[in-house]
Amino acid sequence: MDQRLIDLHHDYVHHHFDRRKFLEQAGRIVGSAGAAAALLPLLDSNNANAQTIAETDNRITTEWVTFEGVTGEVKAYLAKPSGAGEHPGVVIVHEIGGVSPHQQDIARRLAVAGFVALGVDFLSPAGGTPAPGEGNGAERARTLDPVQTVENGVAAVAYLRARDDTTDKIGAVGFCWGGRVTQQLSVNDPTLNAVVVFYGQPPHPSEAPRVNAPILMNYADVMLDMNNTGEVILYREELERLGKPFQFYMYEGAQHGFNNDTNQERYNQAAAELAWGRTIDWFKEYLA
């Protein structure tokens, strides 16, 4: 698919939310608004493809929980290994649309790997992740206070660490919008033990000295990601200059959002599998 369409769609779902505007602009590329409308389902995520680990999988248990954040009650999807015992915890910071079926599946994948995974609904202050047909999660995300969002992340880390089924080792992983939030969490919560970021905007390099946790950074091909303007390179160089523990990977040929297997045009199986394997290895190394 024409890269211009993928970039237009990203702008549509993250910024202006105007379907007519998207169809008009896309129509100039493909010939008509009707042709653009026919392509839209290919660009949107298909939640029917979200489940790789079933909720009924006997290796794990799942439930919805709440904890107290700075904005009040925050909802979260919890997945953990079956049986008694303590396990390291991982806070998941979702993509801009909320705790989607795909993000819930991410929690179950982490649980199968041996972690207590907390998929926090960071849209809770704005009414929570909308059910199908009940609104746009990205629009709700745009109403959030960025500082309070990070503070809710800090509260999530504390909640997860205080549970009886977790050890004192807690990590965080974020995707897209959540990658940016996780980057901010990494410089605002010195208690974190490990961080993984998927294509998230980094903090300003001046904040790099505040990073304590080892950080794994997974980024799309710089030529295909309109969000990657070189900021991450400057941030990586500053982490390296400071001697911070980190690993940085850029996946050639991979689009922004390449880990999301519900999105036909963005998903890159080879990059996703490699990045996910590195993610699990990172958490096993630093949360053990």
C-alpha atoms as a PDB file:
ATOM      1  CA  MET A   1       0.000   0.000   0.000  1.00  0.00           C
ATOM      2  CA  ASP A   2       1.102   3.554  -0.747  1.00  0.00           C
ATOM      3  CA  GLN A   3       3.054   4.877   2.234  1.00  0.00           C
ATOM      4  CA  ARG A   4       1.196   8.171   1.954  1.00  0.00           C
ATOM      5  CA  LEU A   5      -2.052   6.379   2.820  1.00  0.00           C
ATOM      6  CA  ILE A   6      -0.515   4.760   5.888  1.00  0.00           C
ATOM      7  CA  ASP A   7       0.775   8.143   7.052  1.00  0.00           C
ATOM      8  CA  LEU A   8      -2.598   9.798   6.426  1.00  0.00           C
ATOM      9  CA  HIS A   9      -4.341   7.081   8.408  1.00  0.00           C
ATOM     10  CA  HIS A  10      -1.961   7.562  11.336  1.00  0.00           C
ATOM     11  CA  ASP A  11      -2.740  11.277  11.348  1.00  0.00           C
ATOM     12  CA  TYR A  12      -6.466  10.485  11.159  1.00  0.00           C
ATOM     13  CA  VAL A  13      -6.564   8.121  14.160  1.00  0.00           C
ATOM     14  CA  HIS A  14      -4.082  10.051  16.318  1.00  0.00           C
ATOM     15  CA  HIS A  15      -4.813  13.702  15.645  1.00  0.00           C
ATOM     16  CA  HIS A  16      -7.815  14.992  13.715  1.00  0.00           C
ATOM     17  CA  PHE A  17     -10.316  12.044  13.935  1.00  0.00           C
ATOM     18  CA  ASP A  18     -12.169  13.408  10.885  1.00  0.00           C
ATOM     19  CA  ARG A  19     -13.200  10.550   8.585  1.00  0.00           C
ATOM     20  CA  ARG A  20     -14.328  12.892   5.814  1.00  0.00           C
ATOM     21  CA  LYS A  21     -10.991  14.691   5.819  1.00  0.00           C
ATOM     22  CA  PHE A  22      -9.149  11.366   5.604  1.00  0.00           C
ATOM     23  CA  LEU A  23     -11.290  10.162   2.693  1.00  0.00           C
ATOM     24  CA  GLU A  24     -10.846  13.429   0.805  1.00  0.00           C
ATOM     25  CA  GLN A  25      -7.070  13.381   1.165  1.00  0.00           C
ATOM     26  CA  ALA A  26      -6.761   9.654   0.503  1.00  0.00           C
ATOM     27  CA  GLY A  27      -9.089   9.968  -2.467  1.00  0.00           C
ATOM     28  CA  ARG A  28      -6.611  12.280  -4.169  1.00  0.00           C
ATOM     29  CA  ILE A  29      -4.054   9.475  -3.967  1.00  0.00           C
ATOM     30  CA  VAL A  30      -6.206   6.518  -5.041  1.00  0.00           C
ATOM     31  CA  GLY A  31      -8.581   8.327  -7.384  1.00  0.00           C
ATOM     32  CA  SER A  32     -11.790   8.771  -5.386  1.00  0.00           C
ATOM     33  CA  ALA A  33     -13.227   8.927  -1.881  1.00  0.00           C
ATOM     34  CA  GLY A  34     -15.077   5.684  -2.634  1.00  0.00           C
ATOM     35  CA  ALA A  35     -11.832   3.882  -3.397  1.00  0.00           C
ATOM     36  CA  ALA A  36     -10.317   5.311  -0.215  1.00  0.00           C
ATOM     37  CA  ALA A  37     -13.306   4.090   1.813  1.00  0.00           C
ATOM     38  CA  ALA A  38     -12.783   0.591   0.427  1.00  0.00           C
ATOM     39  CA  LEU A  39      -9.185   0.645   1.688  1.00  0.00           C
ATOM     40  CA  LEU A  40     -10.064   1.902   5.161  1.00  0.00           C
ATOM     41  CA  PRO A  41     -10.802  -1.572   6.630  1.00  0.00           C
ATOM     42  CA  LEU A  42      -7.290  -2.633   5.629  1.00  0.00           C
ATOM     43  CA  LEU A  43      -5.818   0.286   7.541  1.00  0.00           C
ATOM     44  CA  ASP A  44      -7.984  -0.097  10.641  1.00  0.00           C
ATOM     45  CA  SER A  45      -7.193  -2.726  13.261  1.00  0.00           C
ATOM     46  CA  ASN A  46      -9.316  -5.872  13.217  1.00  0.00           C
ATOM     47  CA  ASN A  47      -9.965  -7.011  16.784  1.00  0.00           C
ATOM     48  CA  ALA A  48     -11.152 -10.385  15.527  1.00  0.00           C
ATOM     49  CA  ASN A  49      -7.475 -11.224  15.009  1.00  0.00           C
ATOM     50  CA  ALA A  50      -6.420 -10.134  18.502  1.00  0.00           C
ATOM     51  CA  GLN A  51      -6.453 -13.390  20.439  1.00  0.00           C
ATOM     52  CA  THR A  52      -3.323 -15.524  20.345  1.00  0.00           C
ATOM     53  CA  ILE A  53      -3.658 -16.665  23.978  1.00  0.00           C
ATOM     54  CA  ALA A  54      -7.228 -17.494  25.024  1.00  0.00           C
ATOM     55  CA  GLU A  55      -8.613 -16.215  28.310  1.00  0.00           C
ATOM     56  CA  THR A  56      -9.519 -19.837  29.048  1.00  0.00           C
ATOM     57  CA  ASP A  57      -5.905 -20.995  28.673  1.00  0.00           C
ATOM     58  CA  ASN A  58      -5.231 -23.075  31.790  1.00  0.00           C
ATOM     59  CA  ARG A  59      -1.708 -21.686  32.128  1.00  0.00           C
ATOM     60  CA  ILE A  60      -3.045 -18.298  33.203  1.00  0.00           C
ATOM     61  CA  THR A  61      -5.842 -16.512  35.041  1.00  0.00           C
ATOM     62  CA  THR A  62      -7.285 -13.106  34.161  1.00  0.00           C
ATOM     63  CA  GLU A  63      -9.486 -10.516  35.843  1.00  0.00           C
ATOM     64  CA  TRP A  64     -10.314  -6.819  35.832  1.00  0.00           C
ATOM     65  CA  VAL A  65      -9.042  -4.907  38.851  1.00  0.00           C
ATOM     66  CA  THR A  66      -8.958  -1.315  40.049  1.00  0.00           C
ATOM     67  CA  PHE A  67      -6.407   0.718  41.960  1.00  0.00           C
ATOM     68  CA  GLU A  68      -6.224   4.270  43.227  1.00  0.00           C
ATOM     69  CA  GLY A  69      -4.450   6.695  40.916  1.00  0.00           C
ATOM     70  CA  VAL A  70      -3.939  10.435  41.195  1.00  0.00           C
ATOM     71  CA  THR A  71      -7.111  10.961  39.163  1.00  0.00           C
ATOM     72  CA  GLY A  72      -9.206   8.523  41.199  1.00  0.00           C
ATOM     73  CA  GLU A  73     -10.069   4.907  40.478  1.00  0.00           C
ATOM     74  CA  VAL A  74      -8.141   3.396  37.573  1.00  0.00           C
ATOM     75  CA  LYS A  75      -9.250   0.193  35.862  1.00  0.00           C
ATOM     76  CA  ALA A  76      -6.808  -2.458  34.645  1.00  0.00           C
ATOM     77  CA  TYR A  77      -6.771  -5.880  33.007  1.00  0.00           C
ATOM     78  CA  LEU A  78      -4.667  -8.348  35.000  1.00  0.00           C
ATOM     79  CA  ALA A  79      -3.209 -11.602  33.655  1.00  0.00           C
ATOM     80  CA  LYS A  80      -0.948 -13.883  35.664  1.00  0.00           C
ATOM     81  CA  PRO A  81       0.414 -17.433  35.717  1.00  0.00           C
ATOM     82  CA  SER A  82      -1.956 -19.995  37.223  1.00  0.00           C
ATOM     83  CA  GLY A  83      -1.322 -21.359  40.686  1.00  0.00           C
ATOM     84  CA  ALA A  84       0.228 -19.957  43.820  1.00  0.00           C
ATOM     85  CA  GLY A  85       3.539 -18.181  44.090  1.00  0.00           C
ATOM     86  CA  GLU A  86       5.100 -14.814  43.383  1.00  0.00           C
ATOM     87  CA  HIS A  87       6.183 -13.586  39.957  1.00  0.00           C
ATOM     88  CA  PRO A  88       7.774 -10.418  38.609  1.00  0.00           C
ATOM     89  CA  GLY A  89       5.292  -7.819  37.408  1.00  0.00           C
ATOM     90  CA  VAL A  90       4.985  -5.802  34.216  1.00  0.00           C
ATOM     91  CA  VAL A  91       2.837  -2.696  33.734  1.00  0.00           C
ATOM     92  CA  ILE A  92       1.527  -2.392  30.165  1.00  0.00           C
ATOM     93  CA  VAL A  93       0.902   1.053  28.696  1.00  0.00           C
ATOM     94  CA  HIS A  94      -1.502   0.682  25.794  1.00  0.00           C
ATOM     95  CA  GLU A  95      -1.662   2.257  22.362  1.00  0.00           C
ATOM     96  CA  ILE A  96      -3.666   5.468  22.056  1.00  0.00           C
ATOM     97  CA  GLY A  97      -6.998   3.681  21.637  1.00  0.00           C
ATOM     98  CA  GLY A  98      -6.989   2.063  25.078  1.00  0.00           C
ATOM     99  CA  VAL A  99      -6.933  -1.470  26.476  1.00  0.00           C
ATOM    100  CA  SER A 100      -8.019  -3.081  23.207  1.00  0.00           C
ATOM    101  CA  PRO A 101      -8.417  -6.840  22.717  1.00  0.00           C
ATOM    102  CA  HIS A 102      -4.887  -6.797  21.286  1.00  0.00           C
ATOM    103  CA  GLN A 103      -3.511  -5.120  24.406  1.00  0.00           C
ATOM    104  CA  GLN A 104      -5.328  -7.642  26.589  1.00  0.00           C
ATOM    105  CA  ASP A 105      -3.669 -10.380  24.560  1.00  0.00           C
ATOM    106  CA  ILE A 106      -0.290  -8.747  25.233  1.00  0.00           C
ATOM    107  CA  ALA A 107      -1.025  -9.158  28.954  1.00  0.00           C
ATOM    108  CA  ARG A 108      -1.853 -12.838  28.453  1.00  0.00           C
ATOM    109  CA  ARG A 109       1.353 -13.374  26.458  1.00  0.00           C
ATOM    110  CA  LEU A 110       3.348 -11.916  29.332  1.00  0.00           C
ATOM    111  CA  ALA A 111       1.488 -14.118  31.820  1.00  0.00           C
ATOM    112  CA  VAL A 112       2.339 -17.233  29.809  1.00  0.00           C
ATOM    113  CA  ALA A 113       5.975 -16.099  29.946  1.00  0.00           C
ATOM    114  CA  GLY A 114       5.845 -16.001  33.747  1.00  0.00           C
ATOM    115  CA  PHE A 115       4.916 -12.431  34.636  1.00  0.00           C
ATOM    116  CA  VAL A 116       1.992 -10.788  36.422  1.00  0.00           C
ATOM    117  CA  ALA A 117       0.878  -8.350  33.726  1.00  0.00           C
ATOM    118  CA  LEU A 118      -1.206  -5.272  34.463  1.00  0.00           C
ATOM    119  CA  GLY A 119      -2.805  -3.715  31.395  1.00  0.00           C
ATOM    120  CA  VAL A 120      -3.692  -0.314  32.826  1.00  0.00           C
ATOM    121  CA  ASP A 121      -6.604   1.577  31.286  1.00  0.00           C
ATOM    122  CA  PHE A 122      -5.005   5.000  31.192  1.00  0.00           C
ATOM    123  CA  LEU A 123      -8.235   6.347  29.671  1.00  0.00           C
ATOM    124  CA  SER A 124     -10.029   5.773  33.000  1.00  0.00           C
ATOM    125  CA  PRO A 125     -10.107   9.521  33.850  1.00  0.00           C
ATOM    126  CA  ALA A 126     -11.838  10.166  30.513  1.00  0.00           C
ATOM    127  CA  GLY A 127     -14.461   7.431  30.844  1.00  0.00           C
ATOM    128  CA  GLY A 128     -12.248   4.446  30.095  1.00  0.00           C
ATOM    129  CA  THR A 129     -11.563   2.500  26.916  1.00  0.00           C
ATOM    130  CA  PRO A 130     -14.748   2.799  24.840  1.00  0.00           C
ATOM    131  CA  ALA A 131     -16.663  -0.299  23.835  1.00  0.00           C
ATOM    132  CA  PRO A 132     -17.216  -0.774  20.083  1.00  0.00           C
ATOM    133  CA  GLY A 133     -19.547   1.939  18.837  1.00  0.00           C
ATOM    134  CA  GLU A 134     -19.244   4.008  22.019  1.00  0.00           C
ATOM    135  CA  GLY A 135     -16.607   6.491  20.956  1.00  0.00           C
ATOM    136  CA  ASN A 136     -13.021   6.965  19.934  1.00  0.00           C
ATOM    137  CA  GLY A 137     -10.316   6.036  22.429  1.00  0.00           C
ATOM    138  CA  ALA A 138      -7.802   8.308  20.734  1.00  0.00           C
ATOM    139  CA  GLU A 139     -10.075  11.301  21.243  1.00  0.00           C
ATOM    140  CA  ARG A 140     -10.345  10.440  24.924  1.00  0.00           C
ATOM    141  CA  ALA A 141      -6.581  10.076  25.193  1.00  0.00           C
ATOM    142  CA  ARG A 142      -6.115  13.583  23.799  1.00  0.00           C
ATOM    143  CA  THR A 143      -8.112  15.003  26.745  1.00  0.00           C
ATOM    144  CA  LEU A 144      -5.796  13.518  29.389  1.00  0.00           C
ATOM    145  CA  ASP A 145      -3.368  15.571  31.427  1.00  0.00           C
ATOM    146  CA  PRO A 146       0.097  14.233  30.454  1.00  0.00           C
ATOM    147  CA  VAL A 147       1.558  14.733  33.931  1.00  0.00           C
ATOM    148  CA  GLN A 148      -1.344  12.957  35.616  1.00  0.00           C
ATOM    149  CA  THR A 149      -1.096  10.139  33.094  1.00  0.00           C
ATOM    150  CA  VAL A 150       2.513   9.485  34.098  1.00  0.00           C
ATOM    151  CA  GLU A 151       1.569   9.785  37.776  1.00  0.00           C
ATOM    152  CA  ASN A 152      -1.106   7.132  37.226  1.00  0.00           C
ATOM    153  CA  GLY A 153       1.664   4.980  35.750  1.00  0.00           C
ATOM    154  CA  VAL A 154       3.743   5.464  38.897  1.00  0.00           C
ATOM    155  CA  ALA A 155       0.687   4.450  40.955  1.00  0.00           C
ATOM    156  CA  ALA A 156       0.268   1.352  38.785  1.00  0.00           C
ATOM    157  CA  VAL A 157       3.857   0.293  39.448  1.00  0.00           C
ATOM    158  CA  ALA A 158       3.325   0.730  43.199  1.00  0.00           C
ATOM    159  CA  TYR A 159       0.034  -1.189  43.105  1.00  0.00           C
ATOM    160  CA  LEU A 160       1.568  -4.084  41.209  1.00  0.00           C
ATOM    161  CA  ARG A 161       4.595  -4.280  43.501  1.00  0.00           C
ATOM    162  CA  ALA A 162       2.353  -4.311  46.611  1.00  0.00           C
ATOM    163  CA  ARG A 163       0.299  -7.313  45.461  1.00  0.00           C
ATOM    164  CA  ASP A 164       0.775 -10.639  47.241  1.00  0.00           C
ATOM    165  CA  ASP A 165       1.396 -12.464  43.947  1.00  0.00           C
ATOM    166  CA  THR A 166       4.310 -10.304  42.758  1.00  0.00           C
ATOM    167  CA  THR A 167       7.950  -9.994  43.705  1.00  0.00           C
ATOM    168  CA  ASP A 168       9.522  -6.590  44.253  1.00  0.00           C
ATOM    169  CA  LYS A 169      10.789  -6.557  40.647  1.00  0.00           C
ATOM    170  CA  ILE A 170       8.491  -4.542  38.371  1.00  0.00           C
ATOM    171  CA  GLY A 171       8.964  -3.533  34.741  1.00  0.00           C
ATOM    172  CA  ALA A 172       6.963  -1.549  32.204  1.00  0.00           C
ATOM    173  CA  VAL A 173       6.313  -1.868  28.495  1.00  0.00           C
ATOM    174  CA  GLY A 174       4.536   0.593  26.213  1.00  0.00           C
ATOM    175  CA  PHE A 175       3.405   0.741  22.604  1.00  0.00           C
ATOM    176  CA  CYS A 176       3.086   3.816  20.357  1.00  0.00           C
ATOM    177  CA  TRP A 177       1.290   6.415  22.544  1.00  0.00           C
ATOM    178  CA  GLY A 178       2.073   4.086  25.409  1.00  0.00           C
ATOM    179  CA  GLY A 179       5.699   3.988  24.332  1.00  0.00           C
ATOM    180  CA  ARG A 180       5.906   7.730  24.900  1.00  0.00           C
ATOM    181  CA  VAL A 181       4.202   7.416  28.287  1.00  0.00           C
ATOM    182  CA  THR A 182       6.545   4.571  29.246  1.00  0.00           C
ATOM    183  CA  GLN A 183       9.553   6.670  28.261  1.00  0.00           C
ATOM    184  CA  GLN A 184       8.271   9.370  30.607  1.00  0.00           C
ATOM    185  CA  LEU A 185       7.636   6.773  33.295  1.00  0.00           C
ATOM    186  CA  SER A 186      11.257   5.657  32.983  1.00  0.00           C
ATOM    187  CA  VAL A 187      12.491   9.112  34.022  1.00  0.00           C
ATOM    188  CA  ASN A 188       9.838   9.690  36.696  1.00  0.00           C
ATOM    189  CA  ASP A 189       9.789   6.395  38.605  1.00  0.00           C
ATOM    190  CA  PRO A 190      13.192   5.448  40.005  1.00  0.00           C
ATOM    191  CA  THR A 191      11.750   2.203  41.409  1.00  0.00           C
ATOM    192  CA  LEU A 192      11.304   0.578  38.000  1.00  0.00           C
ATOM    193  CA  ASN A 193      13.570  -2.396  37.390  1.00  0.00           C
ATOM    194  CA  ALA A 194      13.283  -2.719  33.591  1.00  0.00           C
ATOM    195  CA  VAL A 195      11.637  -0.858  30.714  1.00  0.00           C
ATOM    196  CA  VAL A 196      10.751  -1.824  27.143  1.00  0.00           C
ATOM    197  CA  VAL A 197       9.545   0.672  24.558  1.00  0.00           C
ATOM    198  CA  PHE A 198       7.927   0.025  21.190  1.00  0.00           C
ATOM    199  CA  TYR A 199       8.212   3.102  18.913  1.00  0.00           C
ATOM    200  CA  GLY A 200       7.519   5.721  21.582  1.00  0.00           C
ATOM    201  CA  GLN A 201       8.629   9.361  21.495  1.00  0.00           C
ATOM    202  CA  PRO A 202      11.575   9.715  23.894  1.00  0.00           C
ATOM    203  CA  PRO A 203      12.038  12.354  26.579  1.00  0.00           C
ATOM    204  CA  HIS A 204      14.295  15.310  25.892  1.00  0.00           C
ATOM    205  CA  PRO A 205      17.960  14.242  26.096  1.00  0.00           C
ATOM    206  CA  SER A 206      18.359  16.493  29.132  1.00  0.00           C
ATOM    207  CA  GLU A 207      16.183  14.046  31.068  1.00  0.00           C
ATOM    208  CA  ALA A 208      18.364  11.032  30.271  1.00  0.00           C
ATOM    209  CA  PRO A 209      20.351  11.322  33.549  1.00  0.00           C
ATOM    210  CA  ARG A 210      17.144  10.424  35.409  1.00  0.00           C
ATOM    211  CA  VAL A 211      16.895   6.983  33.792  1.00  0.00           C
ATOM    212  CA  ASN A 212      17.683   4.238  36.293  1.00  0.00           C
ATOM    213  CA  ALA A 213      16.130   1.099  34.837  1.00  0.00           C
ATOM    214  CA  PRO A 214      17.724  -0.788  31.933  1.00  0.00           C
ATOM    215  CA  ILE A 215      15.746   0.171  28.823  1.00  0.00           C
ATOM    216  CA  LEU A 216      15.149  -1.786  25.613  1.00  0.00           C
ATOM    217  CA  MET A 217      14.072   0.380  22.680  1.00  0.00           C
ATOM    218  CA  ASN A 218      12.318  -1.164  19.655  1.00  0.00           C
ATOM    219  CA  TYR A 219      11.773   1.256  16.773  1.00  0.00           C
ATOM    220  CA  ALA A 220      10.363   1.110  13.265  1.00  0.00           C
ATOM    221  CA  ASP A 221      12.356   1.881  10.134  1.00  0.00           C
ATOM    222  CA  VAL A 222      13.183   5.590  10.264  1.00  0.00           C
ATOM    223  CA  MET A 223      12.232   5.896   6.581  1.00  0.00           C
ATOM    224  CA  LEU A 224       8.728   4.532   7.243  1.00  0.00           C
ATOM    225  CA  ASP A 225       7.836   6.113  10.577  1.00  0.00           C
ATOM    226  CA  MET A 226       6.606   9.691  10.301  1.00  0.00           C
ATOM    227  CA  ASN A 227       6.877   9.994  14.101  1.00  0.00           C
ATOM    228  CA  ASN A 228      10.564   9.188  14.192  1.00  0.00           C
ATOM    229  CA  THR A 229      12.175  12.502  13.350  1.00  0.00           C
ATOM    230  CA  GLY A 230      15.581  11.733  14.766  1.00  0.00           C
ATOM    231  CA  GLU A 231      14.703  12.539  18.382  1.00  0.00           C
ATOM    232  CA  VAL A 232      15.238   8.954  19.381  1.00  0.00           C
ATOM    233  CA  ILE A 233      18.728   8.958  17.867  1.00  0.00           C
ATOM    234  CA  LEU A 234      19.720  11.990  19.945  1.00  0.00           C
ATOM    235  CA  TYR A 235      18.247  10.389  23.043  1.00  0.00           C
ATOM    236  CA  ARG A 236      20.040   7.111  22.372  1.00  0.00           C
ATOM    237  CA  GLU A 237      23.332   8.964  21.954  1.00  0.00           C
ATOM    238  CA  GLU A 238      22.821  10.698  25.293  1.00  0.00           C
ATOM    239  CA  LEU A 239      22.046   7.399  27.051  1.00  0.00           C
ATOM    240  CA  GLU A 240      25.225   6.000  25.558  1.00  0.00           C
ATOM    241  CA  ARG A 241      27.286   9.029  26.600  1.00  0.00           C
ATOM    242  CA  LEU A 242      26.012   8.685  30.164  1.00  0.00           C
ATOM    243  CA  GLY A 243      26.743   4.968  30.287  1.00  0.00           C
ATOM    244  CA  LYS A 244      23.118   4.040  30.934  1.00  0.00           C
ATOM    245  CA  PRO A 245      22.152   0.370  30.467  1.00  0.00           C
ATOM    246  CA  PHE A 246      20.137   0.145  27.254  1.00  0.00           C
ATOM    247  CA  GLN A 247      19.748  -1.635  23.950  1.00  0.00           C
ATOM    248  CA  PHE A 248      18.430   0.039  20.817  1.00  0.00           C
ATOM    249  CA  TYR A 249      17.054  -1.713  17.755  1.00  0.00           C
ATOM    250  CA  MET A 250      15.611  -0.303  14.557  1.00  0.00           C
ATOM    251  CA  TYR A 251      13.780  -2.840  12.403  1.00  0.00           C
ATOM    252  CA  GLU A 252      14.445  -2.299   8.721  1.00  0.00           C
ATOM    253  CA  GLY A 253      11.308  -2.356   6.601  1.00  0.00           C
ATOM    254  CA  ALA A 254       8.983  -2.212   9.631  1.00  0.00           C
ATOM    255  CA  GLN A 255       6.205   0.347   9.961  1.00  0.00           C
ATOM    256  CA  HIS A 256       5.273   2.247  13.091  1.00  0.00           C
ATOM    257  CA  GLY A 257       3.005  -0.144  14.975  1.00  0.00           C
ATOM    258  CA  PHE A 258       4.712  -3.219  13.506  1.00  0.00           C
ATOM    259  CA  ASN A 259       3.990  -5.325  16.604  1.00  0.00           C
ATOM    260  CA  ASN A 260       0.204  -5.001  16.322  1.00  0.00           C
ATOM    261  CA  ASP A 261      -0.942  -8.168  14.580  1.00  0.00           C
ATOM    262  CA  THR A 262      -4.506  -6.884  14.244  1.00  0.00           C
ATOM    263  CA  ASN A 263      -3.428  -4.277  11.685  1.00  0.00           C
ATOM    264  CA  GLN A 264      -2.829  -5.789   8.258  1.00  0.00           C
ATOM    265  CA  GLU A 265      -0.844  -2.915   6.764  1.00  0.00           C
ATOM    266  CA  ARG A 266       1.426  -2.248   9.743  1.00  0.00           C
ATOM    267  CA  TYR A 267       2.094  -5.692  11.181  1.00  0.00           C
ATOM    268  CA  ASN A 268       5.511  -7.103  10.342  1.00  0.00           C
ATOM    269  CA  GLN A 269       5.710 -10.686  11.567  1.00  0.00           C
ATOM    270  CA  ALA A 270       9.494 -11.021  11.408  1.00  0.00           C
ATOM    271  CA  ALA A 271      10.119  -7.741  13.231  1.00  0.00           C
ATOM    272  CA  ALA A 272       7.350  -8.392  15.760  1.00  0.00           C
ATOM    273  CA  GLU A 273       8.591 -11.862  16.655  1.00  0.00           C
ATOM    274  CA  LEU A 274      12.177 -10.675  16.985  1.00  0.00           C
ATOM    275  CA  ALA A 275      11.220  -7.650  19.101  1.00  0.00           C
ATOM    276  CA  TRP A 276       8.905  -9.688  21.306  1.00  0.00           C
ATOM    277  CA  GLY A 277      11.578 -12.327  21.895  1.00  0.00           C
ATOM    278  CA  ARG A 278      13.985  -9.587  22.900  1.00  0.00           C
ATOM    279  CA  THR A 279      11.327  -8.124  25.201  1.00  0.00           C
ATOM    280  CA  ILE A 280      10.769 -11.375  27.076  1.00  0.00           C
ATOM    281  CA  ASP A 281      14.528 -11.957  27.352  1.00  0.00           C
ATOM    282  CA  TRP A 282      14.985  -8.408  28.691  1.00  0.00           C
ATOM    283  CA  PHE A 283      12.390  -8.854  31.394  1.00  0.00           C
ATOM    284  CA  LYS A 284      13.700 -12.302  32.338  1.00  0.00           C
ATOM    285  CA  GLU A 285      17.192 -10.871  32.696  1.00  0.00           C
ATOM    286  CA  TYR A 286      16.362  -7.772  34.727  1.00  0.00           C
ATOM    287  CA  LEU A 287      13.279  -8.869  36.673  1.00  0.00           C
ATOM    288  CA  ALA A 288      14.628 -12.223  37.839  1.00  0.00           C
END
